[in-house]
Amino acid sequence: MNQAFIFLLETFLGLFALALLLRFYLQAVRAPVRNPLANFIAALTDFVVLPARRVIPGLWGYDLSSLVLAWSVKFVLAALVLSLKGYEFGPAIGSGLIGLALLALVHLARLFVYVLMFVTIVQAVLSWVNPHSPAMPILSPMTRPFLRIFQRWIQPVGGVDLSPLFVLVLCQLALMWPLSTLESLFARML
């Protein structure tokens, strides 16, 4: 029974954290707001983001309330999953909470890397199949900051832009080394 409840928690809270993270990221890269994805995410998250903006101010034009809420959802999710798996927060609850907060931050970073990988793959495929797709105006701002780094140094080979390949390799490396190492380190703090 616990396994099914953990699955439901990870699914629904994980998708909600994803929506909050996408809301922050789309706003951060100044993606067009007049598209179905942005409208869906705004409609899904407005009930919690709009009240949170009164408490959590923006910083340098970024909507920090969405990011803090995404981290909070990951924090609550990690705490609930650990408690359902039988973990008991002992007398050192302070270090456990710090470890849990840092672990939630790593999980949020991992989620961002997966989003970046997915968007990069979709954009690369669409650039070959249908470069004028209605999805391209929202995908391009999401990948441009990362693709641009490699496009400066690596010229297209035979008219093919290889920068998505390098972004995907970098994302895989980030998942394998720093994020996995940090996750293990912070899990030991619990």
N, C-alpha and C. Protein backbone atom coordinates (compact mmCIF):
# COMPACT_ATOMS: atom_id res chain seq x y z
N MET A 1 0.81 -1.19 0.00
CA MET A 1 0.00 0.00 0.00
C MET A 1 0.86 1.26 0.00
N ASN A 2 1.94 1.23 0.79
CA ASN A 2 2.84 2.38 0.82
C ASN A 2 3.46 2.64 -0.54
N GLN A 3 3.79 1.56 -1.26
CA GLN A 3 4.42 1.70 -2.57
C GLN A 3 3.49 2.44 -3.53
N ALA A 4 2.21 2.10 -3.50
CA ALA A 4 1.23 2.77 -4.38
C ALA A 4 1.08 4.23 -3.99
N PHE A 5 1.06 4.51 -2.70
CA PHE A 5 0.92 5.89 -2.24
C PHE A 5 2.15 6.71 -2.62
N ILE A 6 3.34 6.11 -2.50
CA ILE A 6 4.57 6.79 -2.89
C ILE A 6 4.54 7.09 -4.39
N PHE A 7 4.07 6.12 -5.18
CA PHE A 7 3.96 6.33 -6.62
C PHE A 7 3.04 7.51 -6.93
N LEU A 8 1.89 7.56 -6.27
CA LEU A 8 0.95 8.65 -6.51
C LEU A 8 1.53 10.00 -6.08
N LEU A 9 2.20 10.02 -4.94
CA LEU A 9 2.82 11.26 -4.48
C LEU A 9 3.89 11.74 -5.46
N GLU A 10 4.76 10.81 -5.87
CA GLU A 10 5.83 11.19 -6.79
C GLU A 10 5.27 11.65 -8.13
N THR A 11 4.19 11.04 -8.57
CA THR A 11 3.60 11.42 -9.85
C THR A 11 2.99 12.81 -9.77
N PHE A 12 2.06 13.00 -8.84
CA PHE A 12 1.33 14.27 -8.80
C PHE A 12 2.16 15.43 -8.28
N LEU A 13 2.88 15.22 -7.19
CA LEU A 13 3.72 16.31 -6.69
C LEU A 13 4.91 16.57 -7.62
N GLY A 14 5.43 15.50 -8.22
CA GLY A 14 6.52 15.68 -9.18
C GLY A 14 6.07 16.48 -10.40
N LEU A 15 4.88 16.19 -10.92
CA LEU A 15 4.36 16.95 -12.06
C LEU A 15 4.06 18.40 -11.68
N PHE A 16 3.59 18.61 -10.46
CA PHE A 16 3.33 19.98 -10.02
C PHE A 16 4.63 20.76 -9.87
N ALA A 17 5.67 20.11 -9.32
CA ALA A 17 6.98 20.76 -9.22
C ALA A 17 7.52 21.06 -10.62
N LEU A 18 7.29 20.16 -11.55
CA LEU A 18 7.70 20.39 -12.94
C LEU A 18 6.99 21.61 -13.52
N ALA A 19 5.70 21.73 -13.27
CA ALA A 19 4.94 22.88 -13.78
C ALA A 19 5.47 24.19 -13.18
N LEU A 20 5.77 24.18 -11.90
CA LEU A 20 6.31 25.38 -11.26
C LEU A 20 7.69 25.73 -11.79
N LEU A 21 8.53 24.71 -12.00
CA LEU A 21 9.86 24.94 -12.55
C LEU A 21 9.77 25.47 -13.98
N LEU A 22 8.87 24.91 -14.78
CA LEU A 22 8.68 25.39 -16.15
C LEU A 22 8.17 26.83 -16.16
N ARG A 23 7.30 27.15 -15.23
CA ARG A 23 6.80 28.52 -15.15
C ARG A 23 7.95 29.50 -14.89
N PHE A 24 8.81 29.14 -13.96
CA PHE A 24 9.96 29.99 -13.67
C PHE A 24 10.88 30.08 -14.88
N TYR A 25 11.19 28.93 -15.50
CA TYR A 25 12.15 28.92 -16.59
C TYR A 25 11.63 29.64 -17.83
N LEU A 26 10.37 29.44 -18.16
CA LEU A 26 9.80 30.14 -19.31
C LEU A 26 9.82 31.65 -19.10
N GLN A 27 9.58 32.07 -17.88
CA GLN A 27 9.63 33.50 -17.58
C GLN A 27 11.07 33.99 -17.60
N ALA A 28 12.00 33.18 -17.12
CA ALA A 28 13.40 33.59 -17.05
C ALA A 28 14.01 33.77 -18.43
N VAL A 29 13.63 32.92 -19.38
CA VAL A 29 14.20 33.04 -20.74
C VAL A 29 13.34 33.93 -21.64
N ARG A 30 12.32 34.51 -21.04
CA ARG A 30 11.43 35.43 -21.76
C ARG A 30 10.76 34.77 -22.96
N ALA A 31 10.30 33.55 -22.76
CA ALA A 31 9.56 32.83 -23.82
C ALA A 31 8.23 33.53 -24.03
N PRO A 32 7.69 33.45 -25.24
CA PRO A 32 6.40 34.10 -25.49
C PRO A 32 5.30 33.54 -24.57
N VAL A 33 4.53 34.44 -24.01
CA VAL A 33 3.49 34.01 -23.08
C VAL A 33 2.19 33.63 -23.77
N ARG A 34 2.07 33.94 -25.03
CA ARG A 34 0.86 33.62 -25.79
C ARG A 34 1.04 32.31 -26.53
N ASN A 35 1.10 31.22 -25.77
CA ASN A 35 1.15 29.90 -26.37
C ASN A 35 0.43 28.93 -25.44
N PRO A 36 -0.01 27.80 -25.97
CA PRO A 36 -0.80 26.86 -25.15
C PRO A 36 -0.06 26.33 -23.93
N LEU A 37 1.24 26.05 -24.05
CA LEU A 37 1.98 25.52 -22.91
C LEU A 37 2.06 26.53 -21.77
N ALA A 38 2.42 27.76 -22.09
CA ALA A 38 2.52 28.79 -21.05
C ALA A 38 1.15 29.06 -20.42
N ASN A 39 0.11 29.08 -21.23
CA ASN A 39 -1.24 29.30 -20.69
C ASN A 39 -1.66 28.16 -19.76
N PHE A 40 -1.34 26.92 -20.17
CA PHE A 40 -1.68 25.76 -19.33
C PHE A 40 -0.94 25.81 -18.00
N ILE A 41 0.36 26.10 -18.06
CA ILE A 41 1.16 26.14 -16.83
C ILE A 41 0.69 27.26 -15.91
N ALA A 42 0.37 28.41 -16.49
CA ALA A 42 -0.12 29.52 -15.67
C ALA A 42 -1.46 29.17 -15.03
N ALA A 43 -2.35 28.56 -15.79
CA ALA A 43 -3.66 28.19 -15.23
C ALA A 43 -3.51 27.14 -14.14
N LEU A 44 -2.56 26.23 -14.31
CA LEU A 44 -2.35 25.16 -13.34
C LEU A 44 -1.72 25.65 -12.04
N THR A 45 -0.89 26.67 -12.13
CA THR A 45 -0.11 27.08 -10.95
C THR A 45 -0.52 28.43 -10.36
N ASP A 46 -1.41 29.16 -11.01
CA ASP A 46 -1.80 30.48 -10.51
C ASP A 46 -2.33 30.45 -9.09
N PHE A 47 -3.05 29.39 -8.72
CA PHE A 47 -3.68 29.35 -7.41
C PHE A 47 -2.67 29.42 -6.27
N VAL A 48 -1.43 28.99 -6.53
CA VAL A 48 -0.43 29.03 -5.47
C VAL A 48 0.64 30.11 -5.73
N VAL A 49 0.91 30.41 -6.99
CA VAL A 49 1.96 31.39 -7.30
C VAL A 49 1.52 32.82 -7.00
N LEU A 50 0.30 33.15 -7.37
CA LEU A 50 -0.16 34.53 -7.17
C LEU A 50 -0.17 34.94 -5.70
N PRO A 51 -0.70 34.11 -4.79
CA PRO A 51 -0.59 34.49 -3.36
C PRO A 51 0.86 34.50 -2.86
N ALA A 52 1.69 33.59 -3.39
CA ALA A 52 3.09 33.53 -2.94
C ALA A 52 3.87 34.76 -3.35
N ARG A 53 3.47 35.40 -4.43
CA ARG A 53 4.18 36.61 -4.88
C ARG A 53 4.06 37.75 -3.87
N ARG A 54 3.03 37.71 -3.04
CA ARG A 54 2.89 38.74 -2.01
C ARG A 54 3.94 38.58 -0.92
N VAL A 55 4.41 37.34 -0.74
CA VAL A 55 5.36 37.03 0.32
C VAL A 55 6.79 36.93 -0.23
N ILE A 56 6.93 36.32 -1.41
CA ILE A 56 8.25 36.10 -2.01
C ILE A 56 8.42 37.08 -3.17
N PRO A 57 9.23 38.11 -2.98
CA PRO A 57 9.38 39.10 -4.05
C PRO A 57 10.24 38.57 -5.20
N GLY A 58 10.06 39.18 -6.35
CA GLY A 58 10.91 38.86 -7.49
C GLY A 58 12.29 39.47 -7.29
N LEU A 59 13.24 39.02 -8.07
CA LEU A 59 14.60 39.52 -7.96
C LEU A 59 15.17 39.67 -9.37
N TRP A 60 15.58 40.88 -9.73
CA TRP A 60 16.15 41.19 -11.04
C TRP A 60 15.23 40.76 -12.19
N GLY A 61 13.94 40.88 -11.98
CA GLY A 61 13.00 40.53 -13.03
C GLY A 61 12.64 39.07 -13.09
N TYR A 62 13.10 38.28 -12.14
CA TYR A 62 12.78 36.85 -12.12
C TYR A 62 11.70 36.58 -11.09
N ASP A 63 10.80 35.68 -11.43
CA ASP A 63 9.70 35.30 -10.54
C ASP A 63 10.19 34.24 -9.57
N LEU A 64 10.77 34.67 -8.47
CA LEU A 64 11.34 33.72 -7.51
C LEU A 64 10.28 32.90 -6.79
N SER A 65 9.06 33.39 -6.74
CA SER A 65 8.02 32.63 -6.04
C SER A 65 7.80 31.27 -6.70
N SER A 66 7.83 31.21 -8.01
CA SER A 66 7.65 29.93 -8.71
C SER A 66 8.80 28.98 -8.39
N LEU A 67 10.01 29.50 -8.37
CA LEU A 67 11.18 28.66 -8.09
C LEU A 67 11.17 28.17 -6.64
N VAL A 68 10.87 29.06 -5.72
CA VAL A 68 10.82 28.67 -4.30
C VAL A 68 9.70 27.66 -4.06
N LEU A 69 8.58 27.85 -4.73
CA LEU A 69 7.48 26.89 -4.59
C LEU A 69 7.85 25.54 -5.18
N ALA A 70 8.56 25.52 -6.31
CA ALA A 70 9.00 24.24 -6.90
C ALA A 70 9.93 23.52 -5.93
N TRP A 71 10.85 24.27 -5.33
CA TRP A 71 11.75 23.67 -4.34
C TRP A 71 10.97 23.17 -3.13
N SER A 72 9.98 23.94 -2.69
CA SER A 72 9.17 23.54 -1.53
C SER A 72 8.40 22.25 -1.81
N VAL A 73 7.87 22.13 -3.01
CA VAL A 73 7.14 20.91 -3.37
C VAL A 73 8.10 19.72 -3.36
N LYS A 74 9.30 19.90 -3.89
CA LYS A 74 10.30 18.82 -3.87
C LYS A 74 10.70 18.48 -2.44
N PHE A 75 10.78 19.48 -1.58
CA PHE A 75 11.12 19.26 -0.17
C PHE A 75 10.03 18.43 0.51
N VAL A 76 8.78 18.83 0.32
CA VAL A 76 7.66 18.11 0.93
C VAL A 76 7.58 16.69 0.38
N LEU A 77 7.79 16.55 -0.91
CA LEU A 77 7.76 15.23 -1.54
C LEU A 77 8.83 14.32 -0.95
N ALA A 78 10.05 14.83 -0.83
CA ALA A 78 11.13 14.03 -0.26
C ALA A 78 10.83 13.64 1.18
N ALA A 79 10.29 14.58 1.97
CA ALA A 79 9.97 14.29 3.37
C ALA A 79 8.87 13.23 3.47
N LEU A 80 7.85 13.35 2.64
CA LEU A 80 6.76 12.37 2.67
C LEU A 80 7.22 10.98 2.23
N VAL A 81 8.03 10.93 1.19
CA VAL A 81 8.51 9.64 0.70
C VAL A 81 9.40 8.98 1.74
N LEU A 82 10.28 9.76 2.36
CA LEU A 82 11.14 9.20 3.39
C LEU A 82 10.33 8.69 4.59
N SER A 83 9.34 9.45 4.99
CA SER A 83 8.54 9.00 6.14
C SER A 83 7.72 7.76 5.79
N LEU A 84 7.23 7.66 4.56
CA LEU A 84 6.50 6.46 4.15
C LEU A 84 7.40 5.24 4.03
N LYS A 85 8.68 5.48 3.76
CA LYS A 85 9.63 4.37 3.68
C LYS A 85 10.16 3.97 5.05
N GLY A 86 9.70 4.65 6.09
CA GLY A 86 10.07 4.27 7.45
C GLY A 86 11.18 5.09 8.07
N TYR A 87 11.63 6.13 7.40
CA TYR A 87 12.68 6.95 7.98
C TYR A 87 12.10 7.79 9.10
N GLU A 88 12.80 7.81 10.23
CA GLU A 88 12.37 8.61 11.37
C GLU A 88 13.36 9.74 11.58
N PHE A 89 12.84 10.94 11.65
CA PHE A 89 13.69 12.08 11.93
C PHE A 89 14.02 12.04 13.42
N GLY A 90 15.28 11.76 13.71
CA GLY A 90 15.70 11.57 15.09
C GLY A 90 16.02 12.86 15.82
N PRO A 91 16.87 12.76 16.84
CA PRO A 91 17.20 13.93 17.65
C PRO A 91 17.97 15.00 16.87
N ALA A 92 18.67 14.61 15.83
CA ALA A 92 19.42 15.59 15.03
C ALA A 92 18.54 16.08 13.88
N ILE A 93 17.37 16.56 14.23
CA ILE A 93 16.40 16.95 13.20
C ILE A 93 16.89 18.16 12.41
N GLY A 94 17.70 19.02 13.03
CA GLY A 94 18.22 20.20 12.33
C GLY A 94 19.09 19.82 11.15
N SER A 95 20.05 18.92 11.35
CA SER A 95 20.91 18.51 10.25
C SER A 95 20.12 17.69 9.24
N GLY A 96 19.11 16.96 9.72
CA GLY A 96 18.26 16.20 8.81
C GLY A 96 17.45 17.11 7.91
N LEU A 97 16.94 18.20 8.46
CA LEU A 97 16.17 19.15 7.66
C LEU A 97 17.05 19.88 6.66
N ILE A 98 18.27 20.20 7.08
CA ILE A 98 19.20 20.85 6.15
C ILE A 98 19.55 19.88 5.02
N GLY A 99 19.82 18.63 5.38
CA GLY A 99 20.11 17.63 4.36
C GLY A 99 18.94 17.42 3.42
N LEU A 100 17.73 17.42 3.97
CA LEU A 100 16.53 17.26 3.16
C LEU A 100 16.32 18.47 2.25
N ALA A 101 16.59 19.66 2.75
CA ALA A 101 16.46 20.86 1.93
C ALA A 101 17.47 20.85 0.79
N LEU A 102 18.70 20.46 1.07
CA LEU A 102 19.71 20.39 0.03
C LEU A 102 19.42 19.27 -0.97
N LEU A 103 18.89 18.16 -0.47
CA LEU A 103 18.50 17.06 -1.35
C LEU A 103 17.37 17.48 -2.29
N ALA A 104 16.42 18.25 -1.77
CA ALA A 104 15.34 18.76 -2.62
C ALA A 104 15.88 19.70 -3.68
N LEU A 105 16.90 20.47 -3.34
CA LEU A 105 17.53 21.36 -4.31
C LEU A 105 18.22 20.57 -5.42
N VAL A 106 18.89 19.49 -5.06
CA VAL A 106 19.53 18.63 -6.06
C VAL A 106 18.47 17.96 -6.94
N HIS A 107 17.37 17.53 -6.35
CA HIS A 107 16.29 16.92 -7.14
C HIS A 107 15.70 17.93 -8.11
N LEU A 108 15.60 19.17 -7.70
CA LEU A 108 15.09 20.22 -8.58
C LEU A 108 16.08 20.48 -9.72
N ALA A 109 17.37 20.48 -9.42
CA ALA A 109 18.38 20.66 -10.46
C ALA A 109 18.35 19.48 -11.44
N ARG A 110 18.17 18.28 -10.91
CA ARG A 110 18.07 17.08 -11.76
C ARG A 110 16.85 17.20 -12.69
N LEU A 111 15.74 17.66 -12.15
CA LEU A 111 14.54 17.85 -12.96
C LEU A 111 14.78 18.87 -14.06
N PHE A 112 15.50 19.94 -13.75
CA PHE A 112 15.82 20.95 -14.76
C PHE A 112 16.67 20.36 -15.87
N VAL A 113 17.64 19.54 -15.52
CA VAL A 113 18.50 18.92 -16.53
C VAL A 113 17.67 18.01 -17.44
N TYR A 114 16.75 17.27 -16.86
CA TYR A 114 15.88 16.42 -17.69
C TYR A 114 15.00 17.26 -18.62
N VAL A 115 14.50 18.37 -18.12
CA VAL A 115 13.70 19.27 -18.96
C VAL A 115 14.54 19.78 -20.11
N LEU A 116 15.76 20.21 -19.81
CA LEU A 116 16.65 20.72 -20.85
C LEU A 116 16.95 19.65 -21.89
N MET A 117 17.18 18.42 -21.45
CA MET A 117 17.45 17.33 -22.39
C MET A 117 16.24 17.09 -23.30
N PHE A 118 15.07 17.03 -22.71
CA PHE A 118 13.85 16.77 -23.48
C PHE A 118 13.61 17.88 -24.51
N VAL A 119 13.72 19.12 -24.06
CA VAL A 119 13.47 20.26 -24.96
C VAL A 119 14.51 20.30 -26.08
N THR A 120 15.76 19.98 -25.76
CA THR A 120 16.81 19.97 -26.78
C THR A 120 16.55 18.91 -27.83
N ILE A 121 16.14 17.73 -27.39
CA ILE A 121 15.85 16.65 -28.34
C ILE A 121 14.66 17.01 -29.22
N VAL A 122 13.59 17.53 -28.62
CA VAL A 122 12.40 17.89 -29.39
C VAL A 122 12.73 18.99 -30.39
N GLN A 123 13.49 19.98 -29.96
CA GLN A 123 13.84 21.06 -30.87
C GLN A 123 14.72 20.56 -32.01
N ALA A 124 15.68 19.70 -31.71
CA ALA A 124 16.56 19.17 -32.76
C ALA A 124 15.75 18.37 -33.78
N VAL A 125 14.83 17.54 -33.32
CA VAL A 125 14.01 16.75 -34.24
C VAL A 125 13.11 17.66 -35.07
N LEU A 126 12.48 18.63 -34.41
CA LEU A 126 11.60 19.54 -35.14
C LEU A 126 12.37 20.39 -36.14
N SER A 127 13.62 20.73 -35.84
CA SER A 127 14.39 21.54 -36.78
C SER A 127 14.65 20.78 -38.07
N TRP A 128 14.64 19.47 -38.01
CA TRP A 128 14.81 18.65 -39.21
C TRP A 128 13.48 18.38 -39.89
N VAL A 129 12.46 18.07 -39.09
CA VAL A 129 11.17 17.64 -39.64
C VAL A 129 10.30 18.82 -40.04
N ASN A 130 10.15 19.79 -39.12
CA ASN A 130 9.27 20.92 -39.36
C ASN A 130 9.84 22.16 -38.66
N PRO A 131 10.80 22.83 -39.30
CA PRO A 131 11.44 23.97 -38.62
C PRO A 131 10.52 25.15 -38.36
N HIS A 132 9.37 25.20 -39.00
CA HIS A 132 8.43 26.29 -38.80
C HIS A 132 7.24 25.85 -37.94
N SER A 133 7.47 24.86 -37.11
CA SER A 133 6.43 24.35 -36.23
C SER A 133 5.99 25.42 -35.24
N PRO A 134 4.71 25.41 -34.84
CA PRO A 134 4.25 26.39 -33.85
C PRO A 134 4.93 26.23 -32.48
N ALA A 135 5.58 25.09 -32.25
CA ALA A 135 6.27 24.88 -30.98
C ALA A 135 7.64 25.54 -30.94
N MET A 136 8.20 25.85 -32.08
CA MET A 136 9.56 26.39 -32.13
C MET A 136 9.72 27.73 -31.40
N PRO A 137 8.74 28.65 -31.45
CA PRO A 137 8.93 29.91 -30.71
C PRO A 137 9.07 29.74 -29.20
N ILE A 138 8.54 28.65 -28.66
CA ILE A 138 8.71 28.44 -27.22
C ILE A 138 9.94 27.57 -26.93
N LEU A 139 10.28 26.67 -27.85
CA LEU A 139 11.44 25.80 -27.63
C LEU A 139 12.76 26.56 -27.81
N SER A 140 12.81 27.42 -28.78
CA SER A 140 14.06 28.15 -29.06
C SER A 140 14.57 28.96 -27.87
N PRO A 141 13.73 29.77 -27.21
CA PRO A 141 14.27 30.50 -26.04
C PRO A 141 14.71 29.58 -24.90
N MET A 142 14.10 28.40 -24.80
CA MET A 142 14.45 27.49 -23.72
C MET A 142 15.82 26.85 -23.94
N THR A 143 16.21 26.64 -25.20
CA THR A 143 17.48 25.98 -25.47
C THR A 143 18.58 26.96 -25.88
N ARG A 144 18.21 28.13 -26.35
CA ARG A 144 19.18 29.09 -26.89
C ARG A 144 20.34 29.38 -25.94
N PRO A 145 20.11 29.63 -24.64
CA PRO A 145 21.25 29.96 -23.77
C PRO A 145 22.30 28.85 -23.72
N PHE A 146 21.88 27.61 -23.88
CA PHE A 146 22.82 26.49 -23.79
C PHE A 146 23.42 26.15 -25.14
N LEU A 147 22.61 26.22 -26.18
CA LEU A 147 23.12 25.92 -27.52
C LEU A 147 24.10 26.99 -27.98
N ARG A 148 23.84 28.24 -27.63
CA ARG A 148 24.68 29.36 -28.06
C ARG A 148 26.13 29.18 -27.60
N ILE A 149 26.33 28.61 -26.43
CA ILE A 149 27.68 28.40 -25.90
C ILE A 149 28.49 27.55 -26.88
N PHE A 150 27.89 26.48 -27.36
CA PHE A 150 28.61 25.58 -28.27
C PHE A 150 28.62 26.10 -29.70
N GLN A 151 27.60 26.83 -30.08
CA GLN A 151 27.55 27.36 -31.45
C GLN A 151 28.65 28.38 -31.69
N ARG A 152 29.12 29.03 -30.65
CA ARG A 152 30.23 29.99 -30.80
C ARG A 152 31.52 29.29 -31.19
N TRP A 153 31.71 28.07 -30.69
CA TRP A 153 32.98 27.38 -30.87
C TRP A 153 32.93 26.30 -31.95
N ILE A 154 31.77 25.75 -32.18
CA ILE A 154 31.66 24.63 -33.11
C ILE A 154 30.79 25.04 -34.29
N GLN A 155 31.41 25.08 -35.46
CA GLN A 155 30.68 25.45 -36.67
C GLN A 155 29.86 24.25 -37.15
N PRO A 156 28.75 24.51 -37.85
CA PRO A 156 27.96 23.40 -38.41
C PRO A 156 28.81 22.55 -39.36
N VAL A 157 28.61 21.26 -39.30
CA VAL A 157 29.33 20.32 -40.14
C VAL A 157 28.38 19.86 -41.24
N GLY A 158 28.66 20.24 -42.46
CA GLY A 158 27.79 19.87 -43.57
C GLY A 158 26.39 20.44 -43.43
N GLY A 159 26.29 21.62 -42.81
CA GLY A 159 24.99 22.25 -42.61
C GLY A 159 24.22 21.73 -41.41
N VAL A 160 24.85 20.84 -40.63
CA VAL A 160 24.19 20.26 -39.45
C VAL A 160 24.79 20.88 -38.19
N ASP A 161 23.92 21.44 -37.37
CA ASP A 161 24.34 22.04 -36.10
C ASP A 161 24.53 20.93 -35.08
N LEU A 162 25.74 20.79 -34.59
CA LEU A 162 26.06 19.74 -33.62
C LEU A 162 25.91 20.19 -32.17
N SER A 163 25.55 21.44 -31.96
CA SER A 163 25.46 21.94 -30.59
C SER A 163 24.45 21.18 -29.72
N PRO A 164 23.30 20.70 -30.26
CA PRO A 164 22.42 19.90 -29.40
C PRO A 164 23.08 18.63 -28.86
N LEU A 165 23.94 18.03 -29.67
CA LEU A 165 24.64 16.83 -29.23
C LEU A 165 25.54 17.15 -28.03
N PHE A 166 26.24 18.28 -28.10
CA PHE A 166 27.13 18.66 -27.00
C PHE A 166 26.34 19.04 -25.74
N VAL A 167 25.19 19.67 -25.92
CA VAL A 167 24.34 19.99 -24.76
C VAL A 167 23.86 18.71 -24.10
N LEU A 168 23.45 17.73 -24.89
CA LEU A 168 22.99 16.46 -24.33
C LEU A 168 24.11 15.72 -23.61
N VAL A 169 25.30 15.73 -24.17
CA VAL A 169 26.44 15.09 -23.50
C VAL A 169 26.75 15.78 -22.18
N LEU A 170 26.73 17.11 -22.19
CA LEU A 170 26.98 17.88 -20.97
C LEU A 170 25.90 17.59 -19.91
N CYS A 171 24.67 17.49 -20.35
CA CYS A 171 23.58 17.17 -19.42
C CYS A 171 23.78 15.79 -18.80
N GLN A 172 24.15 14.82 -19.62
CA GLN A 172 24.40 13.46 -19.10
C GLN A 172 25.54 13.47 -18.09
N LEU A 173 26.59 14.21 -18.40
CA LEU A 173 27.71 14.32 -17.46
C LEU A 173 27.28 14.97 -16.15
N ALA A 174 26.44 15.99 -16.24
CA ALA A 174 25.95 16.66 -15.03
C ALA A 174 25.13 15.71 -14.19
N LEU A 175 24.35 14.86 -14.83
CA LEU A 175 23.55 13.88 -14.08
C LEU A 175 24.44 12.81 -13.44
N MET A 176 25.51 12.42 -14.14
CA MET A 176 26.36 11.34 -13.64
C MET A 176 27.31 11.76 -12.53
N TRP A 177 27.89 12.95 -12.67
CA TRP A 177 28.90 13.29 -11.69
C TRP A 177 28.45 14.28 -10.63
N PRO A 178 28.30 15.56 -10.90
CA PRO A 178 28.05 16.44 -9.76
C PRO A 178 26.72 16.19 -9.08
N LEU A 179 25.66 15.98 -9.85
CA LEU A 179 24.35 15.82 -9.21
C LEU A 179 24.25 14.51 -8.43
N SER A 180 24.79 13.43 -8.97
CA SER A 180 24.76 12.15 -8.24
C SER A 180 25.63 12.21 -6.99
N THR A 181 26.77 12.85 -7.10
CA THR A 181 27.65 12.98 -5.94
C THR A 181 27.00 13.82 -4.85
N LEU A 182 26.41 14.95 -5.25
CA LEU A 182 25.73 15.79 -4.26
C LEU A 182 24.54 15.08 -3.64
N GLU A 183 23.81 14.34 -4.44
CA GLU A 183 22.65 13.61 -3.91
C GLU A 183 23.10 12.60 -2.86
N SER A 184 24.17 11.86 -3.13
CA SER A 184 24.69 10.90 -2.15
C SER A 184 25.17 11.60 -0.88
N LEU A 185 25.86 12.71 -1.06
CA LEU A 185 26.38 13.46 0.08
C LEU A 185 25.25 13.97 0.98
N PHE A 186 24.22 14.57 0.35
CA PHE A 186 23.13 15.13 1.15
C PHE A 186 22.24 14.04 1.73
N ALA A 187 22.14 12.90 1.06
CA ALA A 187 21.36 11.79 1.60
C ALA A 187 22.01 11.25 2.87
N ARG A 188 23.35 11.30 2.93
CA ARG A 188 24.04 10.85 4.13
C ARG A 188 23.82 11.78 5.32
N MET A 189 23.44 13.04 5.04
CA MET A 189 23.16 13.97 6.12
C MET A 189 21.87 13.64 6.85
N LEU A 190 21.04 12.84 6.21
CA LEU A 190 19.76 12.48 6.84
C LEU A 190 20.03 11.47 7.87
